[in-house]
């Protein structure tokens, strides 16, 4: 079974941090692709080892990623 989840990746110094907000699982890598792959592996490991109760408790399906305009200064 395939499942699509959100990956938010941002530069953190010389590396990249990746986050899946649906499960609050994070990883990192030296490049964007490394960070994405590391997150994918972490998510697959989570689904392999977590109980169905833990998955149900942590999984937030309604995630919205958007930009917000604010006044600064």
PDB file of N, CA and C in Angstrom:
ATOM      1  N   UNK A   1       0.844  -1.177   0.000  1.00  0.00           N
ATOM      2  CA  UNK A   1       0.000   0.000   0.000  1.00  0.00           C
ATOM      3  C   UNK A   1       0.890   1.241   0.000  1.00  0.00           C
ATOM      4  N   UNK A   2       0.531   2.219  -0.801  1.00  0.00           N
ATOM      5  CA  UNK A   2       1.246   3.483  -0.836  1.00  0.00           C
ATOM      6  C   UNK A   2       0.419   4.553  -0.137  1.00  0.00           C
ATOM      7  N   UNK A   3       1.091   5.444   0.576  1.00  0.00           N
ATOM      8  CA  UNK A   3       0.429   6.548   1.274  1.00  0.00           C
ATOM      9  C   UNK A   3       1.249   7.799   1.022  1.00  0.00           C
ATOM     10  N   UNK A   4       0.605   8.898   0.712  1.00  0.00           N
ATOM     11  CA  UNK A   4       1.313  10.149   0.523  1.00  0.00           C
ATOM     12  C   UNK A   4       1.221  10.982   1.788  1.00  0.00           C
ATOM     13  N   UNK A   5       2.375  11.499   2.217  1.00  0.00           N
ATOM     14  CA  UNK A   5       2.460  12.351   3.384  1.00  0.00           C
ATOM     15  C   UNK A   5       3.214  13.625   2.999  1.00  0.00           C
ATOM     16  N   UNK A   6       3.117  14.640   3.827  1.00  0.00           N
ATOM     17  CA  UNK A   6       3.776  15.917   3.579  1.00  0.00           C
ATOM     18  C   UNK A   6       5.220  15.875   4.062  1.00  0.00           C
ATOM     19  N   UNK A   7       6.109  16.448   3.269  1.00  0.00           N
ATOM     20  CA  UNK A   7       7.514  16.611   3.677  1.00  0.00           C
ATOM     21  C   UNK A   7       7.855  18.087   3.583  1.00  0.00           C
ATOM     22  N   UNK A   8       8.192  18.690   4.706  1.00  0.00           N
ATOM     23  CA  UNK A   8       8.643  20.080   4.741  1.00  0.00           C
ATOM     24  C   UNK A   8      10.154  20.039   4.941  1.00  0.00           C
ATOM     25  N   UNK A   9      10.890  20.616   4.013  1.00  0.00           N
ATOM     26  CA  UNK A   9      12.351  20.557   4.054  1.00  0.00           C
ATOM     27  C   UNK A   9      12.886  21.978   4.086  1.00  0.00           C
ATOM     28  N   UNK A  10      13.782  22.241   5.031  1.00  0.00           N
ATOM     29  CA  UNK A  10      14.380  23.567   5.124  1.00  0.00           C
ATOM     30  C   UNK A  10      15.871  23.465   5.413  1.00  0.00           C
ATOM     31  N   UNK A  11      16.599  24.467   4.927  1.00  0.00           N
ATOM     32  CA  UNK A  11      18.041  24.515   5.168  1.00  0.00           C
ATOM     33  C   UNK A  11      18.271  24.803   6.648  1.00  0.00           C
ATOM     34  N   UNK A  12      19.227  24.099   7.219  1.00  0.00           N
ATOM     35  CA  UNK A  12      19.612  24.287   8.616  1.00  0.00           C
ATOM     36  C   UNK A  12      21.131  24.311   8.660  1.00  0.00           C
ATOM     37  N   UNK A  13      21.715  25.469   8.455  1.00  0.00           N
ATOM     38  CA  UNK A  13      23.172  25.570   8.386  1.00  0.00           C
ATOM     39  C   UNK A  13      23.674  24.927   7.104  1.00  0.00           C
ATOM     40  N   UNK A  14      24.555  23.948   7.250  1.00  0.00           N
ATOM     41  CA  UNK A  14      25.117  23.252   6.091  1.00  0.00           C
ATOM     42  C   UNK A  14      24.298  22.024   5.692  1.00  0.00           C
ATOM     43  N   UNK A  15      23.219  21.741   6.407  1.00  0.00           N
ATOM     44  CA  UNK A  15      22.396  20.570   6.121  1.00  0.00           C
ATOM     45  C   UNK A  15      20.949  20.991   5.903  1.00  0.00           C
ATOM     46  N   UNK A  16      20.105  19.996   5.693  1.00  0.00           N
ATOM     47  CA  UNK A  16      18.671  20.217   5.520  1.00  0.00           C
ATOM     48  C   UNK A  16      17.917  19.365   6.526  1.00  0.00           C
ATOM     49  N   UNK A  17      16.880  19.948   7.100  1.00  0.00           N
ATOM     50  CA  UNK A  17      16.006  19.252   8.031  1.00  0.00           C
ATOM     51  C   UNK A  17      14.690  18.965   7.321  1.00  0.00           C
ATOM     52  N   UNK A  18      14.180  17.763   7.499  1.00  0.00           N
ATOM     53  CA  UNK A  18      12.905  17.386   6.888  1.00  0.00           C
ATOM     54  C   UNK A  18      11.920  16.998   7.981  1.00  0.00           C
ATOM     55  N   UNK A  19      10.671  17.364   7.786  1.00  0.00           N
ATOM     56  CA  UNK A  19       9.630  17.116   8.781  1.00  0.00           C
ATOM     57  C   UNK A  19       8.372  16.627   8.097  1.00  0.00           C
ATOM     58  N   UNK A  20       7.761  15.610   8.671  1.00  0.00           N
ATOM     59  CA  UNK A  20       6.431  15.159   8.261  1.00  0.00           C
ATOM     60  C   UNK A  20       5.452  15.621   9.348  1.00  0.00           C
ATOM     61  N   UNK A  21       4.684  16.692   9.088  1.00  0.00           N
ATOM     62  CA  UNK A  21       3.795  17.211  10.136  1.00  0.00           C
ATOM     63  C   UNK A  21       2.636  16.287  10.489  1.00  0.00           C
ATOM     64  N   UNK A  22       2.233  15.402   9.582  1.00  0.00           N
ATOM     65  CA  UNK A  22       1.137  14.480   9.887  1.00  0.00           C
ATOM     66  C   UNK A  22       1.476  13.560  11.054  1.00  0.00           C
ATOM     67  N   UNK A  23       2.762  13.221  11.210  1.00  0.00           N
ATOM     68  CA  UNK A  23       3.176  12.295  12.267  1.00  0.00           C
ATOM     69  C   UNK A  23       4.188  12.903  13.227  1.00  0.00           C
ATOM     70  N   UNK A  24       4.615  14.135  12.968  1.00  0.00           N
ATOM     71  CA  UNK A  24       5.638  14.812  13.769  1.00  0.00           C
ATOM     72  C   UNK A  24       6.920  13.978  13.821  1.00  0.00           C
ATOM     73  N   UNK A  25       7.360  13.528  12.655  1.00  0.00           N
ATOM     74  CA  UNK A  25       8.595  12.776  12.508  1.00  0.00           C
ATOM     75  C   UNK A  25       9.545  13.615  11.670  1.00  0.00           C
ATOM     76  N   UNK A  26      10.794  13.716  12.117  1.00  0.00           N
ATOM     77  CA  UNK A  26      11.778  14.550  11.428  1.00  0.00           C
ATOM     78  C   UNK A  26      13.040  13.750  11.129  1.00  0.00           C
ATOM     79  N   UNK A  27      13.801  14.270  10.172  1.00  0.00           N
ATOM     80  CA  UNK A  27      15.090  13.683   9.817  1.00  0.00           C
ATOM     81  C   UNK A  27      15.944  14.783   9.220  1.00  0.00           C
ATOM     82  N   UNK A  28      17.096  14.413   8.668  1.00  0.00           N
ATOM     83  CA  UNK A  28      17.977  15.411   8.079  1.00  0.00           C
ATOM     84  C   UNK A  28      18.860  14.780   7.024  1.00  0.00           C
ATOM     85  N   UNK A  29      19.540  15.635   6.273  1.00  0.00           N
ATOM     86  CA  UNK A  29      20.466  15.149   5.257  1.00  0.00           C
ATOM     87  C   UNK A  29      21.355  16.277   4.765  1.00  0.00           C
ATOM     88  N   UNK A  30      22.386  15.905   4.006  1.00  0.00           N
ATOM     89  CA  UNK A  30      23.331  16.903   3.489  1.00  0.00           C
ATOM     90  C   UNK A  30      22.770  17.678   2.309  1.00  0.00           C
ATOM     91  N   UNK A  31      21.813  17.099   1.598  1.00  0.00           N
ATOM     92  CA  UNK A  31      21.152  17.760   0.478  1.00  0.00           C
ATOM     93  C   UNK A  31      19.643  17.638   0.673  1.00  0.00           C
ATOM     94  N   UNK A  32      18.895  18.354  -0.149  1.00  0.00           N
ATOM     95  CA  UNK A  32      17.435  18.258  -0.087  1.00  0.00           C
ATOM     96  C   UNK A  32      17.008  16.814  -0.340  1.00  0.00           C
ATOM     97  N   UNK A  33      17.600  16.194  -1.363  1.00  0.00           N
ATOM     98  CA  UNK A  33      17.231  14.816  -1.693  1.00  0.00           C
ATOM     99  C   UNK A  33      17.613  13.847  -0.567  1.00  0.00           C
ATOM    100  N   UNK A  34      18.776  14.057   0.060  1.00  0.00           N
ATOM    101  CA  UNK A  34      19.174  13.224   1.205  1.00  0.00           C
ATOM    102  C   UNK A  34      18.173  13.367   2.353  1.00  0.00           C
ATOM    103  N   UNK A  35      17.768  14.597   2.640  1.00  0.00           N
ATOM    104  CA  UNK A  35      16.822  14.842   3.730  1.00  0.00           C
ATOM    105  C   UNK A  35      15.475  14.195   3.424  1.00  0.00           C
ATOM    106  N   UNK A  36      15.041  14.273   2.175  1.00  0.00           N
ATOM    107  CA  UNK A  36      13.782  13.654   1.759  1.00  0.00           C
ATOM    108  C   UNK A  36      13.857  12.138   1.889  1.00  0.00           C
ATOM    109  N   UNK A  37      14.956  11.557   1.439  1.00  0.00           N
ATOM    110  CA  UNK A  37      15.130  10.105   1.513  1.00  0.00           C
ATOM    111  C   UNK A  37      15.222   9.631   2.969  1.00  0.00           C
ATOM    112  N   UNK A  38      15.937  10.384   3.797  1.00  0.00           N
ATOM    113  CA  UNK A  38      16.051  10.025   5.222  1.00  0.00           C
ATOM    114  C   UNK A  38      14.696  10.070   5.906  1.00  0.00           C
ATOM    115  N   UNK A  39      13.884  11.068   5.543  1.00  0.00           N
ATOM    116  CA  UNK A  39      12.539  11.152   6.114  1.00  0.00           C
ATOM    117  C   UNK A  39      11.688   9.979   5.642  1.00  0.00           C
ATOM    118  N   UNK A  40      11.782   9.650   4.367  1.00  0.00           N
ATOM    119  CA  UNK A  40      11.026   8.504   3.835  1.00  0.00           C
ATOM    120  C   UNK A  40      11.383   7.241   4.597  1.00  0.00           C
ATOM    121  N   UNK A  41      12.678   7.008   4.839  1.00  0.00           N
ATOM    122  CA  UNK A  41      13.117   5.825   5.579  1.00  0.00           C
ATOM    123  C   UNK A  41      12.597   5.847   7.014  1.00  0.00           C
ATOM    124  N   UNK A  42      12.640   7.017   7.655  1.00  0.00           N
ATOM    125  CA  UNK A  42      12.148   7.134   9.035  1.00  0.00           C
ATOM    126  C   UNK A  42      10.644   6.849   9.100  1.00  0.00           C
ATOM    127  N   UNK A  43       9.906   7.341   8.115  1.00  0.00           N
ATOM    128  CA  UNK A  43       8.458   7.103   8.085  1.00  0.00           C
ATOM    129  C   UNK A  43       8.146   5.629   7.846  1.00  0.00           C
ATOM    130  N   UNK A  44       8.860   5.004   6.922  1.00  0.00           N
ATOM    131  CA  UNK A  44       8.633   3.579   6.673  1.00  0.00           C
ATOM    132  C   UNK A  44       8.953   2.752   7.910  1.00  0.00           C
ATOM    133  N   UNK A  45      10.028   3.095   8.600  1.00  0.00           N
ATOM    134  CA  UNK A  45      10.389   2.384   9.829  1.00  0.00           C
ATOM    135  C   UNK A  45       9.311   2.572  10.891  1.00  0.00           C
ATOM    136  N   UNK A  46       8.785   3.786  11.002  1.00  0.00           N
ATOM    137  CA  UNK A  46       7.710   4.035  11.962  1.00  0.00           C
ATOM    138  C   UNK A  46       6.514   3.136  11.678  1.00  0.00           C
ATOM    139  N   UNK A  47       6.075   3.083  10.418  1.00  0.00           N
ATOM    140  CA  UNK A  47       4.911   2.270  10.080  1.00  0.00           C
ATOM    141  C   UNK A  47       5.190   0.772  10.251  1.00  0.00           C
ATOM    142  N   UNK A  48       6.433   0.356  10.112  1.00  0.00           N
ATOM    143  CA  UNK A  48       6.788  -1.050  10.312  1.00  0.00           C
ATOM    144  C   UNK A  48       6.762  -1.440  11.782  1.00  0.00           C
ATOM    145  N   UNK A  49       7.101  -0.507  12.679  1.00  0.00           N
ATOM    146  CA  UNK A  49       7.289  -0.864  14.082  1.00  0.00           C
ATOM    147  C   UNK A  49       6.193  -0.369  15.022  1.00  0.00           C
ATOM    148  N   UNK A  50       5.468   0.667  14.656  1.00  0.00           N
ATOM    149  CA  UNK A  50       4.460   1.242  15.557  1.00  0.00           C
ATOM    150  C   UNK A  50       3.199   0.382  15.576  1.00  0.00           C
ATOM    151  N   UNK A  51       2.560   0.377  16.715  1.00  0.00           N
ATOM    152  CA  UNK A  51       1.275  -0.326  16.830  1.00  0.00           C
ATOM    153  C   UNK A  51       0.207   0.486  16.100  1.00  0.00           C
ATOM    154  N   UNK A  52      -0.879  -0.158  15.768  1.00  0.00           N
ATOM    155  CA  UNK A  52      -1.971   0.547  15.093  1.00  0.00           C
ATOM    156  C   UNK A  52      -2.541   1.650  15.982  1.00  0.00           C
ATOM    157  N   UNK A  53      -2.503   1.455  17.301  1.00  0.00           N
ATOM    158  CA  UNK A  53      -2.975   2.484  18.228  1.00  0.00           C
ATOM    159  C   UNK A  53      -2.081   3.716  18.178  1.00  0.00           C
ATOM    160  N   UNK A  54      -0.765   3.503  18.135  1.00  0.00           N
ATOM    161  CA  UNK A  54       0.160   4.637  18.077  1.00  0.00           C
ATOM    162  C   UNK A  54       0.009   5.385  16.756  1.00  0.00           C
ATOM    163  N   UNK A  55      -0.137   4.658  15.675  1.00  0.00           N
ATOM    164  CA  UNK A  55      -0.328   5.298  14.370  1.00  0.00           C
ATOM    165  C   UNK A  55      -1.597   6.142  14.395  1.00  0.00           C
ATOM    166  N   UNK A  56      -2.680   5.582  14.891  1.00  0.00           N
ATOM    167  CA  UNK A  56      -3.954   6.296  14.967  1.00  0.00           C
ATOM    168  C   UNK A  56      -3.839   7.537  15.840  1.00  0.00           C
ATOM    169  N   UNK A  57      -3.124   7.433  16.951  1.00  0.00           N
ATOM    170  CA  UNK A  57      -2.984   8.546  17.881  1.00  0.00           C
ATOM    171  C   UNK A  57      -2.148   9.676  17.277  1.00  0.00           C
ATOM    172  N   UNK A  58      -1.085   9.349  16.549  1.00  0.00           N
ATOM    173  CA  UNK A  58      -0.170  10.370  16.038  1.00  0.00           C
ATOM    174  C   UNK A  58      -0.555  10.936  14.681  1.00  0.00           C
ATOM    175  N   UNK A  59      -1.310  10.195  13.893  1.00  0.00           N
ATOM    176  CA  UNK A  59      -1.589  10.601  12.515  1.00  0.00           C
ATOM    177  C   UNK A  59      -2.634  11.715  12.463  1.00  0.00           C
ATOM    178  N   UNK A  60      -2.238  12.845  11.936  1.00  0.00           N
ATOM    179  CA  UNK A  60      -3.125  13.994  11.730  1.00  0.00           C
ATOM    180  C   UNK A  60      -3.297  14.152  10.227  1.00  0.00           C
ATOM    181  N   UNK A  61      -4.430  13.738   9.696  1.00  0.00           N
ATOM    182  CA  UNK A  61      -4.638  13.712   8.249  1.00  0.00           C
ATOM    183  C   UNK A  61      -4.917  15.078   7.654  1.00  0.00           C
ATOM    184  N   UNK A  62      -5.505  15.993   8.413  1.00  0.00           N
ATOM    185  CA  UNK A  62      -5.852  17.310   7.875  1.00  0.00           C
ATOM    186  C   UNK A  62      -4.729  18.304   8.134  1.00  0.00           C
ATOM    187  N   UNK A  63      -3.749  18.310   7.251  1.00  0.00           N
ATOM    188  CA  UNK A  63      -2.606  19.213   7.354  1.00  0.00           C
ATOM    189  C   UNK A  63      -2.678  20.185   6.181  1.00  0.00           C
ATOM    190  N   UNK A  64      -2.550  21.463   6.473  1.00  0.00           N
ATOM    191  CA  UNK A  64      -2.581  22.483   5.430  1.00  0.00           C
ATOM    192  C   UNK A  64      -1.293  23.286   5.500  1.00  0.00           C
ATOM    193  N   UNK A  65      -0.573  23.351   4.409  1.00  0.00           N
ATOM    194  CA  UNK A  65       0.649  24.138   4.320  1.00  0.00           C
ATOM    195  C   UNK A  65       0.339  25.321   3.425  1.00  0.00           C
ATOM    196  N   UNK A  66       0.506  26.500   3.963  1.00  0.00           N
ATOM    197  CA  UNK A  66       0.182  27.715   3.235  1.00  0.00           C
ATOM    198  C   UNK A  66       1.130  28.828   3.664  1.00  0.00           C
ATOM    199  N   UNK A  67       1.062  29.934   2.999  1.00  0.00           N
ATOM    200  CA  UNK A  67       1.858  31.093   3.362  1.00  0.00           C
ATOM    201  C   UNK A  67       0.932  32.144   3.964  1.00  0.00           C
ATOM    202  N   UNK A  68       1.482  32.931   4.876  1.00  0.00           N
ATOM    203  CA  UNK A  68       0.722  33.974   5.551  1.00  0.00           C
ATOM    204  C   UNK A  68       1.454  35.289   5.348  1.00  0.00           C
ATOM    205  N   UNK A  69       0.732  36.319   4.942  1.00  0.00           N
ATOM    206  CA  UNK A  69       1.322  37.647   4.778  1.00  0.00           C
ATOM    207  C   UNK A  69       1.125  38.434   6.057  1.00  0.00           C
ATOM    208  N   UNK A  70       2.211  39.039   6.553  1.00  0.00           N
ATOM    209  CA  UNK A  70       2.148  39.824   7.784  1.00  0.00           C
ATOM    210  C   UNK A  70       2.829  41.170   7.575  1.00  0.00           C
ATOM    211  N   UNK A  71       2.491  42.121   8.408  1.00  0.00           N
ATOM    212  CA  UNK A  71       3.161  43.419   8.398  1.00  0.00           C
ATOM    213  C   UNK A  71       4.376  43.340   9.323  1.00  0.00           C
ATOM    214  N   UNK A  72       5.500  43.819   8.829  1.00  0.00           N
ATOM    215  CA  UNK A  72       6.728  43.807   9.627  1.00  0.00           C
ATOM    216  C   UNK A  72       7.256  45.239   9.726  1.00  0.00           C
ATOM    217  N   UNK A  73       7.534  45.653  10.950  1.00  0.00           N
ATOM    218  CA  UNK A  73       8.132  46.974  11.142  1.00  0.00           C
ATOM    219  C   UNK A  73       7.192  48.086  11.286  1.00  0.00           C
TER     220      UNK A  73
END
